[in-house]
């Protein structure tokens, strides 16, 4: 991604992409989502919810695929202050950060047919995700 003059928003604590999102006031893709950014957005009274890469700096390591095997319908949640990291297993793992949802209850939630039941945070994210995510 070409950031052009957006690199000017970078500091020792804020990356160029972090600075760009602060200018946009929106989150659309896991490329931009990070715990540091969501903490900063919350300080600015901006609610945010988005997918995140499990290896992103600041993400809890004990919910990653190397540390915890999950089956369809499993939910793992970690909370740090106002930030919630959620891992939900459907056909593949979905990692979501949010500062606007209550943390979902951990456990296994499947229908009798074996289909995973989506937690509210995933339903909300899917309802409002942008065109970029739909095209991925």
Foldseek 3Di string as FASTA:
>chain_A
DDLVVLCVQDDPLAGSLLSVCVVVLADAAQVNDDPSSCVVCVVVVRWDKDWHDCPGPPHDPCVDPVNDDDDAQFWDWDDDPQKIWIWHDFVHITIMITSPDDDDDGDGAADPVRGHDDDPSVVVCVVDHDPVVVVD
